[in-house]
Structures are given as C-alpha cells and as structure tokens.
Amino acid sequence: MDTVVLGRTGLEVSVAGLGCGGHSRLGQATGATEEESVRLVHRALELGVTYIDTARAYGTEEIVGRGLAGQRDQVVISTKAHPQGDGGPLTPRALRESVQLSLRRLRTDRVDVFHLHGVDVGLYEHCVGELVPELQRLRAEGALRFLAISERFGADPGHTMLQRALLDDCWDVVMVGFNLLNPSARDRVFPLTQDKNIGVEVMFAVRRTLSQPDELRRVARQLVEEGHISEGAIDLDDPLGFLLRPGRNGSVVESAYRFARHEPGCHVVLTGTGNLAHLEDNISSINSQPLATEEVEGLRRLFGHVDHLSGN
C-alpha cells in the first residue's frame, strides 16, 4: 500500500481510505450483518488501509470500534457531526456531546480527524463562529487532534462552501467531491489546499454513475442534450470506452479510482463497499499507476468544464 503525508497534519496514511458511509455503509445499507461489516474492516486493515472515515450519521461508528479492537494505534480515524441539529443549528454543547458519543462508539480516547459534516454555505459562518471554538477546546483537552470540514457535494457540486472555508486558516483537512465527470475541484479547491498544505480526502471518486453502465450512458446523453458536450465528441453507447484498452485499464471503476488518486492535491481516496471482493479490487485500483497522459487529456476535453454533476 502506498502512503502519503496528509498535509499539515503530518500523519502518514494509506492512499486508499475505507469510507464507512455512502450507499453501502460497510454493507449495513444492503443487508450485511454486523459481523460481516466488522470483517470488512479487518480485511481493509490486512490490505494496508490506515485511514478510516466514518460519521455519527452513518451508523457505523460502533462497527469501526469493534473492527479496530486491539489495532487502534495502527490507524487514523476520521469521524463527523452535522452542524444542523433537529431544532436548528448545532450548539457548542451539542457538538461536545456528539464528540463524546463518537468516542464511546469508536472505543477510543481521541479522534484523529474530526469533521463538521456536509456543511452548507449558509451554515458556514455559524460553524466557524460558534463550533470551531468548541472544537479547538476539545482539541486542547485531547479529545481530537485535527479540525476538518466536508462539503455537500451532491447539493454543491461547484464547491461554493469550500471556496469560502479555505479563506480561513482553521481547517487541517477537507473532504471534497472529485471524479472524472466533475473535476472542478482541480481549479477551485486543490490550488487553495496545496497553498495552505491542507490534507484532502476525496469522496465520490466512484458512485452510481461510474459503476452502472446504463446510468453512465444516461448521463452522457444528458450532457450532449444540454450542450455540455458536443454531439459526436463522445460515444453515447460506450462513453468511456476509450479508457478500456487491453493491458491498460480493466474497467471504468478502475480508471476512475486511478484518475482521482493521482490528481495533484489529492491525498486519500475513499472507497466504500460491503463486498470483500469489491474492496480488494478498489484498493488495488487506488494503489495502481496513473492513467496515461492522453487518457487524462481526453477526459479533460470531455468533462474538464463540468461542475454541476456529482456522479451519485
């Protein structure tokens, strides 16, 4: 497993991170037993994964805690709390309670990277004005080590919130949506994170559109119909077929993971699944070599200007 230093945190982590949310939530969303999900965590560790990303909202913190029993010090744990509570914006007191609950569920005395989760641009000022000071107090107490923020990529595919957040200097890590269908973070986020040496977790490298051929064809047709791609510039029956060459790239999924992993500014690419075979394949892809230069340029010509899709 290749490793990388996660920006200014100084933490050395695997380039492949286990994402415990998404459509699968370690298989919990698709009928897996808790034991099967714990086994998935164990297998990720066996394959060299040292970065695990979960959240209170995912319902997988307890599974991660079980899966890391006896191995806590071998991994970096990332978890999160939504800044929007049931009755309105999260209060500093409720944030503290959320951190303490996460610690109990994860069976640990500290969280390495703690995110404010899925922040809307409209809630950002509340986050930085009210919640960041509480996170800083929790850090001083040893409950967490580094402050982080994640965007709502599905609702904000153009990264409006992160562009605002990166003007401040309180974030050590950010979670950003980035994939070959919407690489807009390349110009709008990564130059800022690189300038400040902020750690980057990439989510949405592969979601529904890039893992389901019928959905990929539908999205390609939509892009042509809306004028985002010129008619004739893309094969609507096999939109990414130009990537699939013998001995080069075995699948669209493999190509998508390799594309994200080797983008300058990316540190950790998250992969989430409830299937052991998929986990092994995905980690192998993330740990593989970059796409060929002509393949990256072909993707740039087709999708380099797209900023309204998430690929979900």
C-alpha atoms as a PDB file:
ATOM      1  CA  MET A   1       0.000   0.000   0.000  1.00  0.00           C
ATOM      2  CA  ASP A   2       1.332   3.400  -0.977  1.00  0.00           C
ATOM      3  CA  THR A   3       1.278   6.040   1.727  1.00  0.00           C
ATOM      4  CA  VAL A   4       1.179   9.827   1.784  1.00  0.00           C
ATOM      5  CA  VAL A   5       1.537  12.579   4.361  1.00  0.00           C
ATOM      6  CA  LEU A   6      -1.896  14.114   4.997  1.00  0.00           C
ATOM      7  CA  GLY A   7      -0.934  17.732   4.538  1.00  0.00           C
ATOM      8  CA  ARG A   8      -0.029  19.761   7.574  1.00  0.00           C
ATOM      9  CA  THR A   9      -1.337  17.114   9.966  1.00  0.00           C
ATOM     10  CA  GLY A  10       1.961  15.297   9.402  1.00  0.00           C
ATOM     11  CA  LEU A  11       0.099  11.975   9.588  1.00  0.00           C
ATOM     12  CA  GLU A  12       1.347   9.247   7.251  1.00  0.00           C
ATOM     13  CA  VAL A  13      -1.696   7.451   5.869  1.00  0.00           C
ATOM     14  CA  SER A  14      -2.629   4.979   3.155  1.00  0.00           C
ATOM     15  CA  VAL A  15      -3.657   6.485  -0.180  1.00  0.00           C
ATOM     16  CA  ALA A  16      -6.775   4.301  -0.009  1.00  0.00           C
ATOM     17  CA  GLY A  17      -9.168   5.095   2.812  1.00  0.00           C
ATOM     18  CA  LEU A  18     -12.099   2.973   3.946  1.00  0.00           C
ATOM     19  CA  GLY A  19     -15.277   5.035   3.602  1.00  0.00           C
ATOM     20  CA  CYS A  20     -17.951   3.837   6.002  1.00  0.00           C
ATOM     21  CA  GLY A  21     -20.862   5.839   4.576  1.00  0.00           C
ATOM     22  CA  GLY A  22     -22.161   6.233   1.040  1.00  0.00           C
ATOM     23  CA  HIS A  23     -24.724   3.890  -0.450  1.00  0.00           C
ATOM     24  CA  SER A  24     -23.289   0.839   1.332  1.00  0.00           C
ATOM     25  CA  ARG A  25     -22.268   1.887   4.853  1.00  0.00           C
ATOM     26  CA  LEU A  26     -19.999  -1.155   5.177  1.00  0.00           C
ATOM     27  CA  GLY A  27     -22.844  -3.275   3.827  1.00  0.00           C
ATOM     28  CA  GLN A  28     -25.300  -2.225   6.525  1.00  0.00           C
ATOM     29  CA  ALA A  29     -27.485  -0.485   3.930  1.00  0.00           C
ATOM     30  CA  THR A  30     -27.584  -3.613   1.772  1.00  0.00           C
ATOM     31  CA  GLY A  31     -28.388  -6.275   4.344  1.00  0.00           C
ATOM     32  CA  ALA A  32     -24.993  -7.270   5.739  1.00  0.00           C
ATOM     33  CA  THR A  33     -24.780  -8.492   9.300  1.00  0.00           C
ATOM     34  CA  GLU A  34     -22.691  -6.553  11.781  1.00  0.00           C
ATOM     35  CA  GLU A  35     -20.179  -9.410  11.829  1.00  0.00           C
ATOM     36  CA  GLU A  36     -19.807  -9.200   8.045  1.00  0.00           C
ATOM     37  CA  SER A  37     -19.190  -5.462   8.278  1.00  0.00           C
ATOM     38  CA  VAL A  38     -16.601  -5.961  11.022  1.00  0.00           C
ATOM     39  CA  ARG A  39     -14.883  -8.494   8.779  1.00  0.00           C
ATOM     40  CA  LEU A  40     -14.748  -5.867   6.041  1.00  0.00           C
ATOM     41  CA  VAL A  41     -12.899  -3.522   8.404  1.00  0.00           C
ATOM     42  CA  HIS A  42     -10.487  -6.332   9.283  1.00  0.00           C
ATOM     43  CA  ARG A  43      -9.838  -7.041   5.615  1.00  0.00           C
ATOM     44  CA  ALA A  44      -9.150  -3.381   4.897  1.00  0.00           C
ATOM     45  CA  LEU A  45      -6.520  -3.383   7.633  1.00  0.00           C
ATOM     46  CA  GLU A  46      -4.982  -6.557   6.212  1.00  0.00           C
ATOM     47  CA  LEU A  47      -4.703  -4.825   2.826  1.00  0.00           C
ATOM     48  CA  GLY A  48      -2.802  -1.930   4.358  1.00  0.00           C
ATOM     49  CA  VAL A  49      -5.551   0.653   4.885  1.00  0.00           C
ATOM     50  CA  THR A  50      -4.620   3.017   7.704  1.00  0.00           C
ATOM     51  CA  TYR A  51      -7.277   5.704   7.157  1.00  0.00           C
ATOM     52  CA  ILE A  52     -10.884   5.022   8.123  1.00  0.00           C
ATOM     53  CA  ASP A  53     -13.615   7.597   7.635  1.00  0.00           C
ATOM     54  CA  THR A  54     -16.952   7.267   9.388  1.00  0.00           C
ATOM     55  CA  ALA A  55     -19.577   9.583  10.915  1.00  0.00           C
ATOM     56  CA  ARG A  56     -22.223   9.564  13.567  1.00  0.00           C
ATOM     57  CA  ALA A  57     -24.863   9.870  10.828  1.00  0.00           C
ATOM     58  CA  TYR A  58     -23.629   6.751   9.033  1.00  0.00           C
ATOM     59  CA  GLY A  59     -24.441   4.453  11.933  1.00  0.00           C
ATOM     60  CA  THR A  60     -21.106   2.669  11.529  1.00  0.00           C
ATOM     61  CA  GLU A  61     -19.001   4.087  14.351  1.00  0.00           C
ATOM     62  CA  GLU A  62     -19.663   1.108  16.611  1.00  0.00           C
ATOM     63  CA  ILE A  63     -18.695  -1.306  13.826  1.00  0.00           C
ATOM     64  CA  VAL A  64     -15.468   0.591  13.274  1.00  0.00           C
ATOM     65  CA  GLY A  65     -14.796   0.487  17.008  1.00  0.00           C
ATOM     66  CA  ARG A  66     -15.253  -3.271  17.050  1.00  0.00           C
ATOM     67  CA  GLY A  67     -13.178  -3.737  13.915  1.00  0.00           C
ATOM     68  CA  LEU A  68     -10.262  -1.776  15.353  1.00  0.00           C
ATOM     69  CA  ALA A  69     -10.179  -3.555  18.706  1.00  0.00           C
ATOM     70  CA  GLY A  70      -6.527  -4.125  19.572  1.00  0.00           C
ATOM     71  CA  GLN A  71      -5.349  -2.187  16.499  1.00  0.00           C
ATOM     72  CA  ARG A  72      -6.422   1.382  17.262  1.00  0.00           C
ATOM     73  CA  ASP A  73      -2.928   2.821  17.166  1.00  0.00           C
ATOM     74  CA  GLN A  74      -2.327   1.456  13.655  1.00  0.00           C
ATOM     75  CA  VAL A  75      -4.961   3.675  12.019  1.00  0.00           C
ATOM     76  CA  VAL A  76      -6.098   7.259  11.637  1.00  0.00           C
ATOM     77  CA  ILE A  77      -9.794   7.655  12.459  1.00  0.00           C
ATOM     78  CA  SER A  78     -11.941  10.348  10.882  1.00  0.00           C
ATOM     79  CA  THR A  79     -15.495  10.977  12.049  1.00  0.00           C
ATOM     80  CA  LYS A  80     -18.030  13.782  11.860  1.00  0.00           C
ATOM     81  CA  ALA A  81     -21.006  15.678  13.252  1.00  0.00           C
ATOM     82  CA  HIS A  82     -23.627  17.576  11.263  1.00  0.00           C
ATOM     83  CA  PRO A  83     -23.763  21.293  12.078  1.00  0.00           C
ATOM     84  CA  GLN A  84     -27.536  21.204  11.679  1.00  0.00           C
ATOM     85  CA  GLY A  85     -29.422  19.666  14.611  1.00  0.00           C
ATOM     86  CA  ASP A  86     -33.075  18.654  14.846  1.00  0.00           C
ATOM     87  CA  GLY A  87     -34.088  22.009  16.286  1.00  0.00           C
ATOM     88  CA  GLY A  88     -31.731  24.249  14.349  1.00  0.00           C
ATOM     89  CA  PRO A  89     -28.002  24.857  14.090  1.00  0.00           C
ATOM     90  CA  LEU A  90     -25.908  22.647  16.353  1.00  0.00           C
ATOM     91  CA  THR A  91     -24.897  24.299  19.608  1.00  0.00           C
ATOM     92  CA  PRO A  92     -21.375  24.064  21.029  1.00  0.00           C
ATOM     93  CA  ARG A  93     -22.749  21.948  23.882  1.00  0.00           C
ATOM     94  CA  ALA A  94     -24.455  19.535  21.475  1.00  0.00           C
ATOM     95  CA  LEU A  95     -21.244  19.335  19.438  1.00  0.00           C
ATOM     96  CA  ARG A  96     -19.299  18.383  22.558  1.00  0.00           C
ATOM     97  CA  GLU A  97     -21.880  15.690  23.356  1.00  0.00           C
ATOM     98  CA  SER A  98     -21.601  14.377  19.787  1.00  0.00           C
ATOM     99  CA  VAL A  99     -17.811  14.111  20.038  1.00  0.00           C
ATOM    100  CA  GLN A 100     -18.097  12.296  23.367  1.00  0.00           C
ATOM    101  CA  LEU A 101     -20.666   9.871  21.935  1.00  0.00           C
ATOM    102  CA  SER A 102     -18.431   9.187  18.940  1.00  0.00           C
ATOM    103  CA  LEU A 103     -15.516   8.416  21.252  1.00  0.00           C
ATOM    104  CA  ARG A 104     -17.600   5.853  23.145  1.00  0.00           C
ATOM    105  CA  ARG A 105     -18.859   4.222  19.967  1.00  0.00           C
ATOM    106  CA  LEU A 106     -15.386   4.103  18.457  1.00  0.00           C
ATOM    107  CA  ARG A 107     -13.905   2.721  21.695  1.00  0.00           C
ATOM    108  CA  THR A 108     -11.141   5.287  21.699  1.00  0.00           C
ATOM    109  CA  ASP A 109      -9.978   8.253  23.730  1.00  0.00           C
ATOM    110  CA  ARG A 110      -9.377  10.553  20.753  1.00  0.00           C
ATOM    111  CA  VAL A 111     -10.487  11.155  17.191  1.00  0.00           C
ATOM    112  CA  ASP A 112      -7.649  11.948  14.823  1.00  0.00           C
ATOM    113  CA  VAL A 113      -9.621  13.993  12.286  1.00  0.00           C
ATOM    114  CA  PHE A 114     -12.987  15.473  13.257  1.00  0.00           C
ATOM    115  CA  HIS A 115     -15.204  16.948  10.528  1.00  0.00           C
ATOM    116  CA  LEU A 116     -18.111  19.280  10.564  1.00  0.00           C
ATOM    117  CA  HIS A 117     -20.203  17.190   8.206  1.00  0.00           C
ATOM    118  CA  GLY A 118     -21.839  18.190   4.929  1.00  0.00           C
ATOM    119  CA  VAL A 119     -21.740  21.923   5.577  1.00  0.00           C
ATOM    120  CA  ASP A 120     -23.971  24.204   3.509  1.00  0.00           C
ATOM    121  CA  VAL A 121     -22.566  27.595   2.609  1.00  0.00           C
ATOM    122  CA  GLY A 122     -25.430  29.181   4.565  1.00  0.00           C
ATOM    123  CA  LEU A 123     -24.315  27.439   7.769  1.00  0.00           C
ATOM    124  CA  TYR A 124     -20.627  28.109   7.353  1.00  0.00           C
ATOM    125  CA  GLU A 125     -20.479  31.302   9.409  1.00  0.00           C
ATOM    126  CA  HIS A 126     -22.210  29.514  12.295  1.00  0.00           C
ATOM    127  CA  CYS A 127     -19.655  26.727  12.021  1.00  0.00           C
ATOM    128  CA  VAL A 128     -16.621  28.987  12.078  1.00  0.00           C
ATOM    129  CA  GLY A 129     -18.032  31.399  14.664  1.00  0.00           C
ATOM    130  CA  GLU A 130     -19.702  29.014  17.128  1.00  0.00           C
ATOM    131  CA  LEU A 131     -18.470  25.474  16.550  1.00  0.00           C
ATOM    132  CA  VAL A 132     -14.801  25.892  15.687  1.00  0.00           C
ATOM    133  CA  PRO A 133     -14.006  27.439  19.097  1.00  0.00           C
ATOM    134  CA  GLU A 134     -15.569  24.390  20.770  1.00  0.00           C
ATOM    135  CA  LEU A 135     -13.592  22.047  18.555  1.00  0.00           C
ATOM    136  CA  GLN A 136     -10.450  23.927  19.487  1.00  0.00           C
ATOM    137  CA  ARG A 137     -11.284  23.476  23.182  1.00  0.00           C
ATOM    138  CA  LEU A 138     -11.846  19.758  22.606  1.00  0.00           C
ATOM    139  CA  ARG A 139      -8.516  19.582  20.831  1.00  0.00           C
ATOM    140  CA  ALA A 140      -6.796  21.253  23.779  1.00  0.00           C
ATOM    141  CA  GLU A 141      -8.388  18.608  26.031  1.00  0.00           C
ATOM    142  CA  GLY A 142      -7.072  15.778  23.831  1.00  0.00           C
ATOM    143  CA  ALA A 143     -10.434  14.538  22.531  1.00  0.00           C
ATOM    144  CA  LEU A 144      -9.471  15.266  18.929  1.00  0.00           C
ATOM    145  CA  ARG A 145      -6.314  16.115  17.047  1.00  0.00           C
ATOM    146  CA  PHE A 146      -7.188  17.915  13.804  1.00  0.00           C
ATOM    147  CA  LEU A 147     -10.128  20.021  12.612  1.00  0.00           C
ATOM    148  CA  ALA A 148     -11.806  19.208   9.310  1.00  0.00           C
ATOM    149  CA  ILE A 149     -14.793  20.137   7.197  1.00  0.00           C
ATOM    150  CA  SER A 150     -16.678  18.223   4.495  1.00  0.00           C
ATOM    151  CA  GLU A 151     -18.902  19.607   1.765  1.00  0.00           C
ATOM    152  CA  ARG A 152     -22.315  18.516   0.466  1.00  0.00           C
ATOM    153  CA  PHE A 153     -21.082  17.598  -2.979  1.00  0.00           C
ATOM    154  CA  GLY A 154     -24.482  16.440  -4.239  1.00  0.00           C
ATOM    155  CA  ALA A 155     -26.031  19.815  -3.416  1.00  0.00           C
ATOM    156  CA  ASP A 156     -22.907  21.918  -4.011  1.00  0.00           C
ATOM    157  CA  PRO A 157     -21.002  20.295  -6.896  1.00  0.00           C
ATOM    158  CA  GLY A 158     -19.225  23.569  -7.646  1.00  0.00           C
ATOM    159  CA  HIS A 159     -17.632  23.729  -4.141  1.00  0.00           C
ATOM    160  CA  THR A 160     -19.093  27.089  -3.086  1.00  0.00           C
ATOM    161  CA  MET A 161     -18.772  26.314   0.619  1.00  0.00           C
ATOM    162  CA  LEU A 162     -15.212  25.012   0.463  1.00  0.00           C
ATOM    163  CA  GLN A 163     -14.034  28.015  -1.503  1.00  0.00           C
ATOM    164  CA  ARG A 164     -15.322  30.172   1.356  1.00  0.00           C
ATOM    165  CA  ALA A 165     -13.958  27.879   4.075  1.00  0.00           C
ATOM    166  CA  LEU A 166     -10.478  27.811   2.619  1.00  0.00           C
ATOM    167  CA  LEU A 167     -10.168  31.554   3.122  1.00  0.00           C
ATOM    168  CA  ASP A 168      -9.910  30.756   6.832  1.00  0.00           C
ATOM    169  CA  ASP A 169      -6.935  29.029   8.391  1.00  0.00           C
ATOM    170  CA  CYS A 170      -8.644  26.765  10.933  1.00  0.00           C
ATOM    171  CA  TRP A 171      -9.047  23.634   8.804  1.00  0.00           C
ATOM    172  CA  ASP A 172      -6.368  20.963   8.761  1.00  0.00           C
ATOM    173  CA  VAL A 173      -8.272  18.563   6.463  1.00  0.00           C
ATOM    174  CA  VAL A 174     -11.134  18.902   3.973  1.00  0.00           C
ATOM    175  CA  MET A 175     -13.334  16.304   2.319  1.00  0.00           C
ATOM    176  CA  VAL A 176     -14.146  17.162  -1.277  1.00  0.00           C
ATOM    177  CA  GLY A 177     -16.079  15.549  -4.087  1.00  0.00           C
ATOM    178  CA  PHE A 178     -13.920  14.870  -7.135  1.00  0.00           C
ATOM    179  CA  ASN A 179     -14.272  12.490 -10.058  1.00  0.00           C
ATOM    180  CA  LEU A 180     -13.615  12.283 -13.769  1.00  0.00           C
ATOM    181  CA  LEU A 181     -17.152  13.529 -14.580  1.00  0.00           C
ATOM    182  CA  ASN A 182     -16.784  16.633 -12.400  1.00  0.00           C
ATOM    183  CA  PRO A 183     -13.145  17.581 -11.842  1.00  0.00           C
ATOM    184  CA  SER A 184     -13.944  21.184 -10.881  1.00  0.00           C
ATOM    185  CA  ALA A 185     -12.077  20.830  -7.561  1.00  0.00           C
ATOM    186  CA  ARG A 186      -8.906  20.794  -9.681  1.00  0.00           C
ATOM    187  CA  ASP A 187      -9.256  24.552 -10.241  1.00  0.00           C
ATOM    188  CA  ARG A 188     -11.482  25.629  -7.347  1.00  0.00           C
ATOM    189  CA  VAL A 189     -10.221  23.679  -4.330  1.00  0.00           C
ATOM    190  CA  PHE A 190      -6.860  21.980  -4.807  1.00  0.00           C
ATOM    191  CA  PRO A 191      -4.834  25.149  -5.511  1.00  0.00           C
ATOM    192  CA  LEU A 192      -6.077  26.538  -2.180  1.00  0.00           C
ATOM    193  CA  THR A 193      -5.427  23.353  -0.207  1.00  0.00           C
ATOM    194  CA  GLN A 194      -1.982  22.978  -1.733  1.00  0.00           C
ATOM    195  CA  ASP A 195      -1.114  26.579  -0.919  1.00  0.00           C
ATOM    196  CA  LYS A 196      -2.005  26.026   2.760  1.00  0.00           C
ATOM    197  CA  ASN A 197      -0.829  22.387   2.905  1.00  0.00           C
ATOM    198  CA  ILE A 198      -4.289  21.199   3.931  1.00  0.00           C
ATOM    199  CA  GLY A 199      -4.997  17.470   3.885  1.00  0.00           C
ATOM    200  CA  VAL A 200      -7.524  16.280   1.293  1.00  0.00           C
ATOM    201  CA  GLU A 201      -9.877  13.318   1.427  1.00  0.00           C
ATOM    202  CA  VAL A 202     -11.582  12.672  -1.899  1.00  0.00           C
ATOM    203  CA  MET A 203     -15.122  11.300  -1.887  1.00  0.00           C
ATOM    204  CA  PHE A 204     -17.357  10.443  -4.857  1.00  0.00           C
ATOM    205  CA  ALA A 205     -14.422   9.136  -6.899  1.00  0.00           C
ATOM    206  CA  VAL A 206     -16.815   6.342  -7.875  1.00  0.00           C
ATOM    207  CA  ARG A 207     -20.518   6.363  -7.163  1.00  0.00           C
ATOM    208  CA  ARG A 208     -23.585   5.193  -9.069  1.00  0.00           C
ATOM    209  CA  THR A 209     -22.909   6.845 -12.440  1.00  0.00           C
ATOM    210  CA  LEU A 210     -19.419   5.412 -12.814  1.00  0.00           C
ATOM    211  CA  SER A 211     -20.314   1.956 -11.548  1.00  0.00           C
ATOM    212  CA  GLN A 212     -23.523   1.386 -13.535  1.00  0.00           C
ATOM    213  CA  PRO A 213     -23.140   1.406 -17.349  1.00  0.00           C
ATOM    214  CA  ASP A 214     -26.783   2.295 -18.037  1.00  0.00           C
ATOM    215  CA  GLU A 215     -26.560   5.296 -15.733  1.00  0.00           C
ATOM    216  CA  LEU A 216     -23.312   6.418 -17.364  1.00  0.00           C
ATOM    217  CA  ARG A 217     -24.938   6.269 -20.795  1.00  0.00           C
ATOM    218  CA  ARG A 218     -27.919   8.258 -19.498  1.00  0.00           C
ATOM    219  CA  VAL A 219     -25.689  10.972 -18.057  1.00  0.00           C
ATOM    220  CA  ALA A 220     -23.624  11.159 -21.263  1.00  0.00           C
ATOM    221  CA  ARG A 221     -26.780  11.647 -23.335  1.00  0.00           C
ATOM    222  CA  GLN A 222     -27.951  14.328 -20.923  1.00  0.00           C
ATOM    223  CA  LEU A 223     -24.647  16.202 -21.207  1.00  0.00           C
ATOM    224  CA  VAL A 224     -24.941  16.187 -25.014  1.00  0.00           C
ATOM    225  CA  GLU A 225     -28.594  17.270 -24.951  1.00  0.00           C
ATOM    226  CA  GLU A 226     -27.785  20.139 -22.582  1.00  0.00           C
ATOM    227  CA  GLY A 227     -24.886  21.299 -24.740  1.00  0.00           C
ATOM    228  CA  HIS A 228     -22.120  20.500 -22.260  1.00  0.00           C
ATOM    229  CA  ILE A 229     -20.518  18.051 -24.716  1.00  0.00           C
ATOM    230  CA  SER A 230     -20.608  18.460 -28.473  1.00  0.00           C
ATOM    231  CA  GLU A 231     -22.597  15.867 -30.381  1.00  0.00           C
ATOM    232  CA  GLY A 232     -20.166  13.401 -31.916  1.00  0.00           C
ATOM    233  CA  ALA A 233     -17.422  14.107 -29.379  1.00  0.00           C
ATOM    234  CA  ILE A 234     -18.444  11.125 -27.241  1.00  0.00           C
ATOM    235  CA  ASP A 235     -19.630   7.584 -27.982  1.00  0.00           C
ATOM    236  CA  LEU A 236     -23.059   7.549 -26.351  1.00  0.00           C
ATOM    237  CA  ASP A 237     -23.150   3.753 -26.335  1.00  0.00           C
ATOM    238  CA  ASP A 238     -19.784   3.462 -24.604  1.00  0.00           C
ATOM    239  CA  PRO A 239     -18.908   6.913 -23.196  1.00  0.00           C
ATOM    240  CA  LEU A 240     -15.654   5.915 -21.513  1.00  0.00           C
ATOM    241  CA  GLY A 241     -14.713   3.066 -23.806  1.00  0.00           C
ATOM    242  CA  PHE A 242     -11.590   4.929 -24.930  1.00  0.00           C
ATOM    243  CA  LEU A 243     -10.132   4.235 -21.469  1.00  0.00           C
ATOM    244  CA  LEU A 244     -10.563   0.484 -21.650  1.00  0.00           C
ATOM    245  CA  ARG A 245      -7.560  -0.825 -23.516  1.00  0.00           C
ATOM    246  CA  PRO A 246      -6.056  -4.306 -23.069  1.00  0.00           C
ATOM    247  CA  GLY A 247      -3.207  -4.208 -20.610  1.00  0.00           C
ATOM    248  CA  ARG A 248      -4.002  -0.616 -19.586  1.00  0.00           C
ATOM    249  CA  ASN A 249      -7.317  -0.243 -17.713  1.00  0.00           C
ATOM    250  CA  GLY A 250      -9.600  -3.109 -16.853  1.00  0.00           C
ATOM    251  CA  SER A 251     -12.796  -1.203 -16.103  1.00  0.00           C
ATOM    252  CA  VAL A 252     -14.389   2.214 -15.762  1.00  0.00           C
ATOM    253  CA  VAL A 253     -14.282   1.836 -11.975  1.00  0.00           C
ATOM    254  CA  GLU A 254     -10.557   1.106 -12.017  1.00  0.00           C
ATOM    255  CA  SER A 255      -9.921   4.062 -14.306  1.00  0.00           C
ATOM    256  CA  ALA A 256     -11.979   6.392 -12.114  1.00  0.00           C
ATOM    257  CA  TYR A 257     -10.091   5.469  -8.957  1.00  0.00           C
ATOM    258  CA  ARG A 258      -6.737   5.875 -10.662  1.00  0.00           C
ATOM    259  CA  PHE A 259      -7.811   9.245 -12.071  1.00  0.00           C
ATOM    260  CA  ALA A 260      -8.724  10.577  -8.621  1.00  0.00           C
ATOM    261  CA  ARG A 261      -5.789   9.127  -6.730  1.00  0.00           C
ATOM    262  CA  HIS A 262      -3.129  10.709  -8.941  1.00  0.00           C
ATOM    263  CA  GLU A 263      -4.643  14.184  -9.171  1.00  0.00           C
ATOM    264  CA  PRO A 264      -2.182  16.715  -7.698  1.00  0.00           C
ATOM    265  CA  GLY A 265      -3.580  17.848  -4.370  1.00  0.00           C
ATOM    266  CA  CYS A 266      -5.351  14.596  -3.548  1.00  0.00           C
ATOM    267  CA  HIS A 267      -4.090  12.656  -0.536  1.00  0.00           C
ATOM    268  CA  VAL A 268      -6.609   9.940   0.378  1.00  0.00           C
ATOM    269  CA  VAL A 269      -9.244   8.443  -1.928  1.00  0.00           C
ATOM    270  CA  LEU A 270     -12.155   6.925  -0.040  1.00  0.00           C
ATOM    271  CA  THR A 271     -13.753   3.693  -1.176  1.00  0.00           C
ATOM    272  CA  GLY A 272     -16.908   2.330   0.379  1.00  0.00           C
ATOM    273  CA  THR A 273     -18.439  -1.103  -0.121  1.00  0.00           C
ATOM    274  CA  GLY A 274     -19.991  -4.016   1.687  1.00  0.00           C
ATOM    275  CA  ASN A 275     -18.380  -6.581  -0.590  1.00  0.00           C
ATOM    276  CA  LEU A 276     -14.954  -8.048   0.173  1.00  0.00           C
ATOM    277  CA  ALA A 277     -14.088  -8.686  -3.466  1.00  0.00           C
ATOM    278  CA  HIS A 278     -15.041  -5.131  -4.413  1.00  0.00           C
ATOM    279  CA  LEU A 279     -12.956  -3.818  -1.534  1.00  0.00           C
ATOM    280  CA  GLU A 280      -9.906  -5.720  -2.746  1.00  0.00           C
ATOM    281  CA  ASP A 281     -10.391  -4.585  -6.353  1.00  0.00           C
ATOM    282  CA  ASN A 282     -10.964  -0.953  -5.380  1.00  0.00           C
ATOM    283  CA  ILE A 283      -7.923  -0.784  -3.135  1.00  0.00           C
ATOM    284  CA  SER A 284      -5.820  -2.361  -5.876  1.00  0.00           C
ATOM    285  CA  SER A 285      -7.052   0.295  -8.324  1.00  0.00           C
ATOM    286  CA  ILE A 286      -6.301   3.183  -5.961  1.00  0.00           C
ATOM    287  CA  ASN A 287      -2.842   1.733  -5.400  1.00  0.00           C
ATOM    288  CA  SER A 288      -2.169   1.483  -9.152  1.00  0.00           C
ATOM    289  CA  GLN A 289      -0.271   3.705 -11.575  1.00  0.00           C
ATOM    290  CA  PRO A 290      -1.674   6.915 -13.121  1.00  0.00           C
ATOM    291  CA  LEU A 291      -3.731   6.861 -16.273  1.00  0.00           C
ATOM    292  CA  ALA A 292      -1.825   7.577 -19.460  1.00  0.00           C
ATOM    293  CA  THR A 293      -1.352  11.254 -20.300  1.00  0.00           C
ATOM    294  CA  GLU A 294      -3.514  11.003 -23.421  1.00  0.00           C
ATOM    295  CA  GLU A 295      -6.310   9.412 -21.377  1.00  0.00           C
ATOM    296  CA  VAL A 296      -6.246  12.217 -18.810  1.00  0.00           C
ATOM    297  CA  GLU A 297      -6.260  14.777 -21.614  1.00  0.00           C
ATOM    298  CA  GLY A 298      -9.204  13.022 -23.270  1.00  0.00           C
ATOM    299  CA  LEU A 299     -11.148  13.225 -20.024  1.00  0.00           C
ATOM    300  CA  ARG A 300     -10.211  16.883 -19.632  1.00  0.00           C
ATOM    301  CA  ARG A 301     -11.556  17.691 -23.109  1.00  0.00           C
ATOM    302  CA  LEU A 302     -14.846  15.958 -22.392  1.00  0.00           C
ATOM    303  CA  PHE A 303     -15.518  16.839 -18.765  1.00  0.00           C
ATOM    304  CA  GLY A 304     -12.983  19.458 -17.699  1.00  0.00           C
ATOM    305  CA  HIS A 305     -15.593  22.230 -17.670  1.00  0.00           C
ATOM    306  CA  VAL A 306     -18.354  20.231 -15.916  1.00  0.00           C
ATOM    307  CA  ASP A 307     -19.223  21.488 -12.435  1.00  0.00           C
ATOM    308  CA  HIS A 308     -22.888  20.545 -11.932  1.00  0.00           C
ATOM    309  CA  LEU A 309     -22.729  16.740 -11.558  1.00  0.00           C
ATOM    310  CA  SER A 310     -21.840  14.652  -8.537  1.00  0.00           C
ATOM    311  CA  GLY A 311     -21.935  11.228 -10.208  1.00  0.00           C
ATOM    312  CA  ASN A 312     -24.119   9.957  -7.393  1.00  0.00           C
END
